[in-house]
Amino acid sequence: MRACKQNGFTLIELMITVGLIGLASMGMLSAFDGQKAVYNSNERLLETQEDARLVLDLIAFDARMAGFMVPPVAAISSTDGGINNADRLCLSDFSFFDLPDAANPITTLNNQGERFLISSTQQVQAVTGNTVTIQSLDIDGGSDNQTGENHFGNPGDGIIVSDGQSTFCGAISLIDTGTRQITLDPAHAPMPAFANPGSLRAVPAVLYEVVPSPPPAPAGSFSLMRNGQLLSPTIEDLQVQYWADLSVPPDNDTSDLNESNIDDLNDPLLGVDTTRIWRVRISVVSRSNQTDQTTGRRFASGQRPQIANRVAGVADAFSRRVYTSTVMPRNIQVLP
């Protein structure tokens, strides 16, 4: 009986086939890996963008409400960080005020009634170093008025002190309800030498500031705080600019050179009237929480951009986005 001849692959052919399959698989895996890196990069960037938008919406909302039921001179304050640091922003906190009711009627809500203002005495009785003595910690005079009621919040909350010309944006370290003394955080810049100490006002405020992120965040990371609480671990810069009527006497013309952008409210050369601010521009810079090493990424290297009077940062591998909101604070303006 004759045996049937059976054809098959030789060892060399098998090795060549396996090699070709391996090369094809490596190419596919490399393509998948690249796509995964791009996906992860885009996902991180999307999270950073969404975080920045939510943060800016919150700041813009607080800015629109700044000045509600408080003297316009103490409605908003900020500390200019200069060319190397972020700004610090204080916006008067409207949440401490009661709405008008039958027992406490008020004709307007645009500061004309100024339930906050005490006509016979000054709101700030004394300033000693970083300690402010307040005439009363109960500032709204509403129907829920109680002896010892504290409307200046808690340690970590913001506070605005103003005499009508200079303003101070600070953080509260301690409140003594018995003596009505508020101790301010000494880490912040000292209060200015107020030219009109007899006209000082203090109002509770929402404080926004950028601080270095603690470990395990990457070195050089920053976070945005709101009243001492973490608001965003991706915001590394906050810049505030103002447009105000600088004409003497006021001309109420928002189109001339006397309404150019102002970085420092307390610039003595400008003498900004804080009751004539008609626009506030708030900018935040968000940074990805991881470096982006994606090949062919849109930006070869990241860099904190130049905004307002702050210089640009050095190039690195982080992705960044800038978001800006311009607000017309209707409660601050008392234009004729």
C-alpha atoms as a PDB file:
ATOM      1  CA  MET A   1       0.000   0.000   0.000  1.00  0.00           C
ATOM      2  CA  ARG A   2       1.366   3.353  -1.057  1.00  0.00           C
ATOM      3  CA  ALA A   3       1.595   6.081   1.629  1.00  0.00           C
ATOM      4  CA  CYS A   4      -0.067   9.521   0.903  1.00  0.00           C
ATOM      5  CA  LYS A   5       2.210  12.503   0.688  1.00  0.00           C
ATOM      6  CA  GLN A   6       1.269  15.290   3.216  1.00  0.00           C
ATOM      7  CA  ASN A   7       2.412  18.867   2.623  1.00  0.00           C
ATOM      8  CA  GLY A   8       3.005  21.331   5.512  1.00  0.00           C
ATOM      9  CA  PHE A   9       4.996  24.378   6.676  1.00  0.00           C
ATOM     10  CA  THR A  10       8.656  24.151   7.084  1.00  0.00           C
ATOM     11  CA  LEU A  11      10.254  25.400  10.260  1.00  0.00           C
ATOM     12  CA  ILE A  12      11.649  28.427   8.441  1.00  0.00           C
ATOM     13  CA  GLU A  13       8.247  29.352   7.055  1.00  0.00           C
ATOM     14  CA  LEU A  14       6.702  29.014  10.499  1.00  0.00           C
ATOM     15  CA  MET A  15       9.346  31.230  12.056  1.00  0.00           C
ATOM     16  CA  ILE A  16       8.869  33.883   9.367  1.00  0.00           C
ATOM     17  CA  THR A  17       5.089  33.825   9.894  1.00  0.00           C
ATOM     18  CA  VAL A  18       5.407  34.147  13.648  1.00  0.00           C
ATOM     19  CA  GLY A  19       7.826  37.030  13.205  1.00  0.00           C
ATOM     20  CA  LEU A  20       5.485  38.868  10.841  1.00  0.00           C
ATOM     21  CA  ILE A  21       2.557  38.370  13.222  1.00  0.00           C
ATOM     22  CA  GLY A  22       4.712  39.662  16.076  1.00  0.00           C
ATOM     23  CA  LEU A  23       5.693  42.769  14.141  1.00  0.00           C
ATOM     24  CA  ALA A  24       2.072  43.448  13.231  1.00  0.00           C
ATOM     25  CA  SER A  25       1.007  42.972  16.839  1.00  0.00           C
ATOM     26  CA  MET A  26       3.695  45.319  18.066  1.00  0.00           C
ATOM     27  CA  GLY A  27       2.520  47.971  15.611  1.00  0.00           C
ATOM     28  CA  MET A  28      -1.068  47.569  16.710  1.00  0.00           C
ATOM     29  CA  LEU A  29      -0.128  47.716  20.391  1.00  0.00           C
ATOM     30  CA  SER A  30       1.996  50.806  19.770  1.00  0.00           C
ATOM     31  CA  ALA A  31      -0.918  52.482  17.975  1.00  0.00           C
ATOM     32  CA  PHE A  32      -3.308  51.538  20.768  1.00  0.00           C
ATOM     33  CA  ASP A  33      -0.857  52.817  23.368  1.00  0.00           C
ATOM     34  CA  GLY A  34      -0.542  56.136  21.547  1.00  0.00           C
ATOM     35  CA  GLN A  35      -4.309  56.438  21.276  1.00  0.00           C
ATOM     36  CA  LYS A  36      -4.658  55.668  24.970  1.00  0.00           C
ATOM     37  CA  ALA A  37      -2.111  58.358  25.847  1.00  0.00           C
ATOM     38  CA  VAL A  38      -3.969  60.893  23.696  1.00  0.00           C
ATOM     39  CA  TYR A  39      -7.272  59.865  25.291  1.00  0.00           C
ATOM     40  CA  ASN A  40      -5.876  60.203  28.814  1.00  0.00           C
ATOM     41  CA  SER A  41      -4.340  63.571  27.942  1.00  0.00           C
ATOM     42  CA  ASN A  42      -7.600  64.870  26.506  1.00  0.00           C
ATOM     43  CA  GLU A  43      -9.533  63.548  29.493  1.00  0.00           C
ATOM     44  CA  ARG A  44      -7.223  65.325  31.948  1.00  0.00           C
ATOM     45  CA  LEU A  45      -7.459  68.509  29.909  1.00  0.00           C
ATOM     46  CA  LEU A  46     -11.261  68.254  29.807  1.00  0.00           C
ATOM     47  CA  GLU A  47     -11.386  67.848  33.595  1.00  0.00           C
ATOM     48  CA  THR A  48      -9.105  70.870  33.983  1.00  0.00           C
ATOM     49  CA  GLN A  49     -11.298  72.945  31.676  1.00  0.00           C
ATOM     50  CA  GLU A  50     -14.514  71.956  33.442  1.00  0.00           C
ATOM     51  CA  ASP A  51     -12.978  72.689  36.830  1.00  0.00           C
ATOM     52  CA  ALA A  52     -11.813  76.138  35.709  1.00  0.00           C
ATOM     53  CA  ARG A  53     -15.206  77.004  34.227  1.00  0.00           C
ATOM     54  CA  LEU A  54     -17.064  76.035  37.395  1.00  0.00           C
ATOM     55  CA  VAL A  55     -14.607  78.011  39.531  1.00  0.00           C
ATOM     56  CA  LEU A  56     -14.891  81.101  37.344  1.00  0.00           C
ATOM     57  CA  ASP A  57     -18.699  80.887  37.341  1.00  0.00           C
ATOM     58  CA  LEU A  58     -18.677  80.877  41.153  1.00  0.00           C
ATOM     59  CA  ILE A  59     -16.273  83.828  41.402  1.00  0.00           C
ATOM     60  CA  ALA A  60     -18.273  85.766  38.815  1.00  0.00           C
ATOM     61  CA  PHE A  61     -21.495  85.137  40.749  1.00  0.00           C
ATOM     62  CA  ASP A  62     -19.929  86.411  43.975  1.00  0.00           C
ATOM     63  CA  ALA A  63     -18.596  89.442  42.080  1.00  0.00           C
ATOM     64  CA  ARG A  64     -22.056  90.277  40.752  1.00  0.00           C
ATOM     65  CA  MET A  65     -23.456  90.144  44.279  1.00  0.00           C
ATOM     66  CA  ALA A  66     -20.617  92.173  45.794  1.00  0.00           C
ATOM     67  CA  GLY A  67     -21.892  95.352  47.371  1.00  0.00           C
ATOM     68  CA  PHE A  68     -25.322  93.992  48.245  1.00  0.00           C
ATOM     69  CA  MET A  69     -26.584  95.920  51.286  1.00  0.00           C
ATOM     70  CA  VAL A  70     -23.142  97.221  52.263  1.00  0.00           C
ATOM     71  CA  PRO A  71     -21.441 100.579  51.681  1.00  0.00           C
ATOM     72  CA  PRO A  72     -20.021 100.610  48.130  1.00  0.00           C
ATOM     73  CA  VAL A  73     -16.579 101.621  49.442  1.00  0.00           C
ATOM     74  CA  ALA A  74     -16.315  98.223  51.192  1.00  0.00           C
ATOM     75  CA  ALA A  75     -17.913  96.098  48.494  1.00  0.00           C
ATOM     76  CA  ILE A  76     -14.773  94.762  46.849  1.00  0.00           C
ATOM     77  CA  SER A  77     -11.078  94.646  47.632  1.00  0.00           C
ATOM     78  CA  SER A  78      -8.007  92.892  46.337  1.00  0.00           C
ATOM     79  CA  THR A  79      -4.280  92.658  46.889  1.00  0.00           C
ATOM     80  CA  ASP A  80      -2.149  92.910  43.774  1.00  0.00           C
ATOM     81  CA  GLY A  81       0.419  90.122  43.583  1.00  0.00           C
ATOM     82  CA  GLY A  82       2.638  92.073  41.211  1.00  0.00           C
ATOM     83  CA  ILE A  83       4.622  90.410  38.452  1.00  0.00           C
ATOM     84  CA  ASN A  84       5.487  87.218  40.347  1.00  0.00           C
ATOM     85  CA  ASN A  85       2.415  86.237  42.374  1.00  0.00           C
ATOM     86  CA  ALA A  86      -1.309  85.690  42.077  1.00  0.00           C
ATOM     87  CA  ASP A  87      -3.757  88.333  43.262  1.00  0.00           C
ATOM     88  CA  ARG A  88      -5.955  87.971  46.337  1.00  0.00           C
ATOM     89  CA  LEU A  89      -9.633  88.864  45.958  1.00  0.00           C
ATOM     90  CA  CYS A  90     -12.287  89.735  48.548  1.00  0.00           C
ATOM     91  CA  LEU A  91     -15.968  90.141  47.636  1.00  0.00           C
ATOM     92  CA  SER A  92     -18.499  91.231  50.240  1.00  0.00           C
ATOM     93  CA  ASP A  93     -20.545  88.246  51.388  1.00  0.00           C
ATOM     94  CA  PHE A  94     -24.241  88.815  50.756  1.00  0.00           C
ATOM     95  CA  SER A  95     -25.313  85.608  52.507  1.00  0.00           C
ATOM     96  CA  PHE A  96     -25.304  87.225  55.979  1.00  0.00           C
ATOM     97  CA  PHE A  97     -28.107  89.648  55.184  1.00  0.00           C
ATOM     98  CA  ASP A  98     -31.808  89.069  55.770  1.00  0.00           C
ATOM     99  CA  LEU A  99     -34.284  89.881  53.051  1.00  0.00           C
ATOM    100  CA  PRO A 100     -36.675  92.753  53.797  1.00  0.00           C
ATOM    101  CA  ASP A 101     -39.812  91.850  55.711  1.00  0.00           C
ATOM    102  CA  ALA A 102     -42.755  93.650  57.289  1.00  0.00           C
ATOM    103  CA  ALA A 103     -40.877  94.267  60.528  1.00  0.00           C
ATOM    104  CA  ASN A 104     -37.809  95.619  58.732  1.00  0.00           C
ATOM    105  CA  PRO A 105     -38.961  97.393  55.580  1.00  0.00           C
ATOM    106  CA  ILE A 106     -36.454  98.892  53.208  1.00  0.00           C
ATOM    107  CA  THR A 107     -37.166 100.866  50.076  1.00  0.00           C
ATOM    108  CA  THR A 108     -34.278  99.775  47.855  1.00  0.00           C
ATOM    109  CA  LEU A 109     -31.682  97.063  47.545  1.00  0.00           C
ATOM    110  CA  ASN A 110     -29.008  99.163  45.855  1.00  0.00           C
ATOM    111  CA  ASN A 111     -27.354 100.544  48.994  1.00  0.00           C
ATOM    112  CA  GLN A 112     -29.663 103.544  49.249  1.00  0.00           C
ATOM    113  CA  GLY A 113     -31.162 102.092  52.418  1.00  0.00           C
ATOM    114  CA  GLU A 114     -27.833 100.720  53.641  1.00  0.00           C
ATOM    115  CA  ARG A 115     -29.180  98.760  56.579  1.00  0.00           C
ATOM    116  CA  PHE A 116     -25.554  97.938  57.318  1.00  0.00           C
ATOM    117  CA  LEU A 117     -24.556 101.559  57.926  1.00  0.00           C
ATOM    118  CA  ILE A 118     -24.768 102.805  61.502  1.00  0.00           C
ATOM    119  CA  SER A 119     -25.444 106.536  61.353  1.00  0.00           C
ATOM    120  CA  SER A 120     -24.493 107.539  64.903  1.00  0.00           C
ATOM    121  CA  THR A 121     -21.262 105.588  65.294  1.00  0.00           C
ATOM    122  CA  GLN A 122     -18.563 104.156  63.089  1.00  0.00           C
ATOM    123  CA  GLN A 123     -18.560 100.447  62.311  1.00  0.00           C
ATOM    124  CA  VAL A 124     -14.832 100.078  63.107  1.00  0.00           C
ATOM    125  CA  GLN A 125     -13.978 101.509  66.495  1.00  0.00           C
ATOM    126  CA  ALA A 126     -10.243 100.812  66.580  1.00  0.00           C
ATOM    127  CA  VAL A 127      -7.419  99.224  64.596  1.00  0.00           C
ATOM    128  CA  THR A 128      -4.398  97.963  66.528  1.00  0.00           C
ATOM    129  CA  GLY A 129      -1.853  96.113  64.449  1.00  0.00           C
ATOM    130  CA  ASN A 130      -3.730  93.192  62.891  1.00  0.00           C
ATOM    131  CA  THR A 131      -6.683  93.496  65.270  1.00  0.00           C
ATOM    132  CA  VAL A 132      -9.895  95.301  64.353  1.00  0.00           C
ATOM    133  CA  THR A 133     -12.487  96.209  66.980  1.00  0.00           C
ATOM    134  CA  ILE A 134     -15.986  96.219  65.502  1.00  0.00           C
ATOM    135  CA  GLN A 135     -18.882  98.297  66.847  1.00  0.00           C
ATOM    136  CA  SER A 136     -21.194  95.309  66.362  1.00  0.00           C
ATOM    137  CA  LEU A 137     -20.749  91.824  64.954  1.00  0.00           C
ATOM    138  CA  ASP A 138     -24.422  91.816  63.986  1.00  0.00           C
ATOM    139  CA  ILE A 139     -24.468  93.792  60.765  1.00  0.00           C
ATOM    140  CA  ASP A 140     -27.859  93.180  59.181  1.00  0.00           C
ATOM    141  CA  GLY A 141     -30.268  94.404  61.865  1.00  0.00           C
ATOM    142  CA  GLY A 142     -32.835  91.942  60.572  1.00  0.00           C
ATOM    143  CA  SER A 143     -35.718  90.242  62.297  1.00  0.00           C
ATOM    144  CA  ASP A 144     -33.427  87.485  63.538  1.00  0.00           C
ATOM    145  CA  ASN A 145     -31.253  89.986  65.414  1.00  0.00           C
ATOM    146  CA  GLN A 146     -29.869  88.355  68.544  1.00  0.00           C
ATOM    147  CA  THR A 147     -27.485  89.567  71.214  1.00  0.00           C
ATOM    148  CA  GLY A 148     -23.996  88.389  70.335  1.00  0.00           C
ATOM    149  CA  GLU A 149     -24.961  87.339  66.813  1.00  0.00           C
ATOM    150  CA  ASN A 150     -21.841  87.028  64.679  1.00  0.00           C
ATOM    151  CA  HIS A 151     -22.091  87.842  60.987  1.00  0.00           C
ATOM    152  CA  PHE A 152     -18.363  87.856  60.321  1.00  0.00           C
ATOM    153  CA  GLY A 153     -18.141  84.122  59.821  1.00  0.00           C
ATOM    154  CA  ASN A 154     -15.348  81.920  61.113  1.00  0.00           C
ATOM    155  CA  PRO A 155     -11.547  81.797  61.070  1.00  0.00           C
ATOM    156  CA  GLY A 156     -10.426  81.499  57.480  1.00  0.00           C
ATOM    157  CA  ASP A 157     -13.259  83.637  56.111  1.00  0.00           C
ATOM    158  CA  GLY A 158     -12.495  86.893  54.372  1.00  0.00           C
ATOM    159  CA  ILE A 159     -12.939  90.457  55.554  1.00  0.00           C
ATOM    160  CA  ILE A 160     -12.836  93.853  53.839  1.00  0.00           C
ATOM    161  CA  VAL A 161     -11.715  96.955  55.718  1.00  0.00           C
ATOM    162  CA  SER A 162     -12.110 100.303  53.967  1.00  0.00           C
ATOM    163  CA  ASP A 163     -12.098 104.003  54.782  1.00  0.00           C
ATOM    164  CA  GLY A 164     -13.517 105.070  51.435  1.00  0.00           C
ATOM    165  CA  GLN A 165     -10.119 105.513  49.800  1.00  0.00           C
ATOM    166  CA  SER A 166      -7.940 102.541  50.724  1.00  0.00           C
ATOM    167  CA  THR A 167      -9.154  98.977  51.103  1.00  0.00           C
ATOM    168  CA  PHE A 168      -7.722  95.853  52.705  1.00  0.00           C
ATOM    169  CA  CYS A 169      -8.483  92.247  51.734  1.00  0.00           C
ATOM    170  CA  GLY A 170      -7.613  89.876  54.560  1.00  0.00           C
ATOM    171  CA  ALA A 171      -8.448  86.617  56.290  1.00  0.00           C
ATOM    172  CA  ILE A 172      -9.862  86.207  59.782  1.00  0.00           C
ATOM    173  CA  SER A 173      -7.704  84.312  62.274  1.00  0.00           C
ATOM    174  CA  LEU A 174      -9.781  84.775  65.429  1.00  0.00           C
ATOM    175  CA  ILE A 175     -13.078  86.359  66.490  1.00  0.00           C
ATOM    176  CA  ASP A 176     -13.685  87.342  70.100  1.00  0.00           C
ATOM    177  CA  THR A 177     -17.436  87.870  70.405  1.00  0.00           C
ATOM    178  CA  GLY A 178     -17.070  89.345  73.895  1.00  0.00           C
ATOM    179  CA  THR A 179     -14.736  92.193  72.955  1.00  0.00           C
ATOM    180  CA  ARG A 180     -15.898  92.266  69.308  1.00  0.00           C
ATOM    181  CA  GLN A 181     -12.272  92.055  68.228  1.00  0.00           C
ATOM    182  CA  ILE A 182     -11.318  90.398  64.953  1.00  0.00           C
ATOM    183  CA  THR A 183      -7.709  89.299  64.577  1.00  0.00           C
ATOM    184  CA  LEU A 184      -6.513  89.131  60.980  1.00  0.00           C
ATOM    185  CA  ASP A 185      -4.119  86.613  59.488  1.00  0.00           C
ATOM    186  CA  PRO A 186      -0.609  88.099  59.845  1.00  0.00           C
ATOM    187  CA  ALA A 187       0.541  86.102  56.812  1.00  0.00           C
ATOM    188  CA  HIS A 188      -1.282  88.614  54.639  1.00  0.00           C
ATOM    189  CA  ALA A 189       0.143  92.011  53.900  1.00  0.00           C
ATOM    190  CA  PRO A 190      -0.357  94.500  56.750  1.00  0.00           C
ATOM    191  CA  MET A 191      -3.265  96.874  56.518  1.00  0.00           C
ATOM    192  CA  PRO A 192      -2.486 100.204  54.894  1.00  0.00           C
ATOM    193  CA  ALA A 193      -2.251 103.422  56.844  1.00  0.00           C
ATOM    194  CA  PHE A 194      -5.826 104.561  56.351  1.00  0.00           C
ATOM    195  CA  ALA A 195      -6.148 108.278  55.640  1.00  0.00           C
ATOM    196  CA  ASN A 196      -9.644 108.462  57.132  1.00  0.00           C
ATOM    197  CA  PRO A 197      -9.644 106.224  60.235  1.00  0.00           C
ATOM    198  CA  GLY A 198     -12.869 107.812  61.450  1.00  0.00           C
ATOM    199  CA  SER A 199     -14.684 106.502  58.368  1.00  0.00           C
ATOM    200  CA  LEU A 200     -13.547 102.885  58.572  1.00  0.00           C
ATOM    201  CA  ARG A 201     -15.994 100.124  57.717  1.00  0.00           C
ATOM    202  CA  ALA A 202     -15.519  96.366  57.937  1.00  0.00           C
ATOM    203  CA  VAL A 203     -17.703  93.833  56.147  1.00  0.00           C
ATOM    204  CA  PRO A 204     -17.622  90.024  55.918  1.00  0.00           C
ATOM    205  CA  ALA A 205     -16.240  88.833  52.623  1.00  0.00           C
ATOM    206  CA  VAL A 206     -15.620  85.795  50.474  1.00  0.00           C
ATOM    207  CA  LEU A 207     -11.857  85.396  50.139  1.00  0.00           C
ATOM    208  CA  TYR A 208     -10.229  83.849  47.069  1.00  0.00           C
ATOM    209  CA  GLU A 209      -6.496  83.222  47.089  1.00  0.00           C
ATOM    210  CA  VAL A 210      -3.969  80.923  45.413  1.00  0.00           C
ATOM    211  CA  VAL A 211      -1.609  79.017  47.720  1.00  0.00           C
ATOM    212  CA  PRO A 212       1.091  76.340  47.216  1.00  0.00           C
ATOM    213  CA  SER A 213      -0.397  72.846  47.161  1.00  0.00           C
ATOM    214  CA  PRO A 214       0.740  70.531  49.957  1.00  0.00           C
ATOM    215  CA  PRO A 215       2.268  67.085  49.210  1.00  0.00           C
ATOM    216  CA  PRO A 216       1.649  64.710  47.546  1.00  0.00           C
ATOM    217  CA  ALA A 217       0.927  67.286  44.845  1.00  0.00           C
ATOM    218  CA  PRO A 218       3.817  67.806  42.396  1.00  0.00           C
ATOM    219  CA  ALA A 219       6.363  70.430  43.365  1.00  0.00           C
ATOM    220  CA  GLY A 220       5.392  73.857  42.113  1.00  0.00           C
ATOM    221  CA  SER A 221       1.662  73.079  42.186  1.00  0.00           C
ATOM    222  CA  PHE A 222      -0.881  75.618  43.395  1.00  0.00           C
ATOM    223  CA  SER A 223      -4.475  75.465  44.586  1.00  0.00           C
ATOM    224  CA  LEU A 224      -7.293  77.981  44.764  1.00  0.00           C
ATOM    225  CA  MET A 225      -8.832  78.443  48.209  1.00  0.00           C
ATOM    226  CA  ARG A 226     -12.215  79.943  49.070  1.00  0.00           C
ATOM    227  CA  ASN A 227     -12.481  81.123  52.664  1.00  0.00           C
ATOM    228  CA  GLY A 228      -9.634  78.828  53.641  1.00  0.00           C
ATOM    229  CA  GLN A 229     -11.237  75.766  52.041  1.00  0.00           C
ATOM    230  CA  LEU A 230      -9.883  74.006  48.962  1.00  0.00           C
ATOM    231  CA  LEU A 231     -11.906  75.040  45.934  1.00  0.00           C
ATOM    232  CA  SER A 232      -9.724  73.733  43.117  1.00  0.00           C
ATOM    233  CA  PRO A 233      -6.391  71.870  43.023  1.00  0.00           C
ATOM    234  CA  THR A 234      -5.818  72.857  39.383  1.00  0.00           C
ATOM    235  CA  ILE A 235      -5.969  76.683  39.507  1.00  0.00           C
ATOM    236  CA  GLU A 236      -2.462  78.134  39.685  1.00  0.00           C
ATOM    237  CA  ASP A 237      -3.124  81.807  39.024  1.00  0.00           C
ATOM    238  CA  LEU A 238      -5.802  84.404  39.758  1.00  0.00           C
ATOM    239  CA  GLN A 239      -5.635  87.904  38.321  1.00  0.00           C
ATOM    240  CA  VAL A 240      -8.056  90.780  38.890  1.00  0.00           C
ATOM    241  CA  GLN A 241      -8.356  94.001  36.905  1.00  0.00           C
ATOM    242  CA  TYR A 242     -10.721  96.940  37.297  1.00  0.00           C
ATOM    243  CA  TRP A 243     -12.153  99.706  35.201  1.00  0.00           C
ATOM    244  CA  ALA A 244     -13.203 102.766  37.192  1.00  0.00           C
ATOM    245  CA  ASP A 245     -13.944 106.415  36.619  1.00  0.00           C
ATOM    246  CA  LEU A 246     -10.666 108.189  37.401  1.00  0.00           C
ATOM    247  CA  SER A 247     -11.727 111.591  36.097  1.00  0.00           C
ATOM    248  CA  VAL A 248     -11.689 114.530  38.512  1.00  0.00           C
ATOM    249  CA  PRO A 249     -14.453 115.531  38.766  1.00  0.00           C
ATOM    250  CA  PRO A 250     -16.158 112.279  37.713  1.00  0.00           C
ATOM    251  CA  ASP A 251     -17.365 112.436  34.129  1.00  0.00           C
ATOM    252  CA  ASN A 252     -19.278 109.147  33.997  1.00  0.00           C
ATOM    253  CA  ASP A 253     -17.703 108.466  30.596  1.00  0.00           C
ATOM    254  CA  THR A 254     -16.607 104.844  30.313  1.00  0.00           C
ATOM    255  CA  SER A 255     -14.883 105.274  26.948  1.00  0.00           C
ATOM    256  CA  ASP A 256     -11.981 107.622  27.667  1.00  0.00           C
ATOM    257  CA  LEU A 257      -8.452 106.917  28.900  1.00  0.00           C
ATOM    258  CA  ASN A 258      -9.441 107.614  32.494  1.00  0.00           C
ATOM    259  CA  GLU A 259     -11.180 104.231  32.591  1.00  0.00           C
ATOM    260  CA  SER A 260      -8.200 102.050  31.626  1.00  0.00           C
ATOM    261  CA  ASN A 261      -7.510  98.743  33.344  1.00  0.00           C
ATOM    262  CA  ILE A 262      -6.299  99.007  36.940  1.00  0.00           C
ATOM    263  CA  ASP A 263      -4.277  96.235  38.589  1.00  0.00           C
ATOM    264  CA  ASP A 264      -3.938  97.728  42.066  1.00  0.00           C
ATOM    265  CA  LEU A 265      -6.936  99.328  43.784  1.00  0.00           C
ATOM    266  CA  ASN A 266      -4.635 100.907  46.370  1.00  0.00           C
ATOM    267  CA  ASP A 267      -2.233 102.498  43.904  1.00  0.00           C
ATOM    268  CA  PRO A 268      -1.679 105.960  45.472  1.00  0.00           C
ATOM    269  CA  LEU A 269      -0.909 107.466  42.064  1.00  0.00           C
ATOM    270  CA  LEU A 270      -4.366 106.549  40.792  1.00  0.00           C
ATOM    271  CA  GLY A 271      -6.515 107.260  43.827  1.00  0.00           C
ATOM    272  CA  VAL A 272      -9.249 104.874  42.738  1.00  0.00           C
ATOM    273  CA  ASP A 273     -12.751 105.713  43.934  1.00  0.00           C
ATOM    274  CA  THR A 274     -14.151 102.271  44.791  1.00  0.00           C
ATOM    275  CA  THR A 275     -17.713 103.544  44.443  1.00  0.00           C
ATOM    276  CA  ARG A 276     -17.137 104.185  40.743  1.00  0.00           C
ATOM    277  CA  ILE A 277     -15.945 100.753  39.615  1.00  0.00           C
ATOM    278  CA  TRP A 278     -17.978  99.810  36.579  1.00  0.00           C
ATOM    279  CA  ARG A 279     -16.219  96.648  35.394  1.00  0.00           C
ATOM    280  CA  VAL A 280     -14.173  93.858  36.983  1.00  0.00           C
ATOM    281  CA  ARG A 281     -12.209  91.341  34.926  1.00  0.00           C
ATOM    282  CA  ILE A 282     -11.310  88.050  36.632  1.00  0.00           C
ATOM    283  CA  SER A 283      -8.893  85.590  35.028  1.00  0.00           C
ATOM    284  CA  VAL A 284      -7.882  82.127  36.202  1.00  0.00           C
ATOM    285  CA  VAL A 285      -5.214  79.794  34.841  1.00  0.00           C
ATOM    286  CA  SER A 286      -5.835  76.076  35.191  1.00  0.00           C
ATOM    287  CA  ARG A 287      -3.024  73.535  34.967  1.00  0.00           C
ATOM    288  CA  SER A 288      -3.258  69.790  34.394  1.00  0.00           C
ATOM    289  CA  ASN A 289      -2.349  67.726  37.446  1.00  0.00           C
ATOM    290  CA  GLN A 290       0.042  65.544  35.418  1.00  0.00           C
ATOM    291  CA  THR A 291       2.676  66.266  32.807  1.00  0.00           C
ATOM    292  CA  ASP A 292       1.704  65.659  29.210  1.00  0.00           C
ATOM    293  CA  GLN A 293       4.332  63.685  27.309  1.00  0.00           C
ATOM    294  CA  THR A 294       2.064  62.858  24.359  1.00  0.00           C
ATOM    295  CA  THR A 295       3.959  62.818  21.085  1.00  0.00           C
ATOM    296  CA  GLY A 296       2.578  65.329  18.653  1.00  0.00           C
ATOM    297  CA  ARG A 297       0.574  67.169  21.277  1.00  0.00           C
ATOM    298  CA  ARG A 298      -0.790  70.521  20.213  1.00  0.00           C
ATOM    299  CA  PHE A 299       1.563  72.462  22.448  1.00  0.00           C
ATOM    300  CA  ALA A 300       5.178  71.308  22.612  1.00  0.00           C
ATOM    301  CA  SER A 301       5.513  72.699  26.119  1.00  0.00           C
ATOM    302  CA  GLY A 302       3.267  74.426  28.593  1.00  0.00           C
ATOM    303  CA  GLN A 303       3.807  77.831  30.129  1.00  0.00           C
ATOM    304  CA  ARG A 304       1.835  79.962  32.542  1.00  0.00           C
ATOM    305  CA  PRO A 305       0.753  82.847  30.299  1.00  0.00           C
ATOM    306  CA  GLN A 306       1.229  86.529  30.931  1.00  0.00           C
ATOM    307  CA  ILE A 307      -2.011  87.983  32.324  1.00  0.00           C
ATOM    308  CA  ALA A 308      -2.629  91.487  33.605  1.00  0.00           C
ATOM    309  CA  ASN A 309       0.644  92.649  35.205  1.00  0.00           C
ATOM    310  CA  ARG A 310       2.034  89.187  35.963  1.00  0.00           C
ATOM    311  CA  VAL A 311       4.854  87.902  33.776  1.00  0.00           C
ATOM    312  CA  ALA A 312       4.749  84.552  31.987  1.00  0.00           C
ATOM    313  CA  GLY A 313       6.126  81.438  33.673  1.00  0.00           C
ATOM    314  CA  VAL A 314       8.830  79.095  32.471  1.00  0.00           C
ATOM    315  CA  ALA A 315       8.075  76.368  29.941  1.00  0.00           C
ATOM    316  CA  ASP A 316       7.270  72.915  31.261  1.00  0.00           C
ATOM    317  CA  ALA A 317       5.309  69.784  30.283  1.00  0.00           C
ATOM    318  CA  PHE A 318       1.970  70.758  31.854  1.00  0.00           C
ATOM    319  CA  SER A 319      -1.076  71.764  29.824  1.00  0.00           C
ATOM    320  CA  ARG A 320      -2.820  75.022  30.719  1.00  0.00           C
ATOM    321  CA  ARG A 321      -5.950  76.910  29.879  1.00  0.00           C
ATOM    322  CA  VAL A 322      -6.956  80.500  30.614  1.00  0.00           C
ATOM    323  CA  TYR A 323     -10.515  81.543  31.389  1.00  0.00           C
ATOM    324  CA  THR A 324     -11.666  85.120  31.823  1.00  0.00           C
ATOM    325  CA  SER A 325     -14.950  86.635  32.953  1.00  0.00           C
ATOM    326  CA  THR A 326     -15.859  90.321  32.868  1.00  0.00           C
ATOM    327  CA  VAL A 327     -18.484  91.391  35.390  1.00  0.00           C
ATOM    328  CA  MET A 328     -20.341  94.669  35.771  1.00  0.00           C
ATOM    329  CA  PRO A 329     -21.003  94.730  39.543  1.00  0.00           C
ATOM    330  CA  ARG A 330     -24.423  96.342  39.686  1.00  0.00           C
ATOM    331  CA  ASN A 331     -24.359  96.687  43.499  1.00  0.00           C
ATOM    332  CA  ILE A 332     -21.079  98.601  43.585  1.00  0.00           C
ATOM    333  CA  GLN A 333     -21.853 101.336  41.101  1.00  0.00           C
ATOM    334  CA  VAL A 334     -23.468 104.504  42.364  1.00  0.00           C
ATOM    335  CA  LEU A 335     -23.110 106.484  39.181  1.00  0.00           C
ATOM    336  CA  PRO A 336     -25.320 109.584  38.856  1.00  0.00           C
END
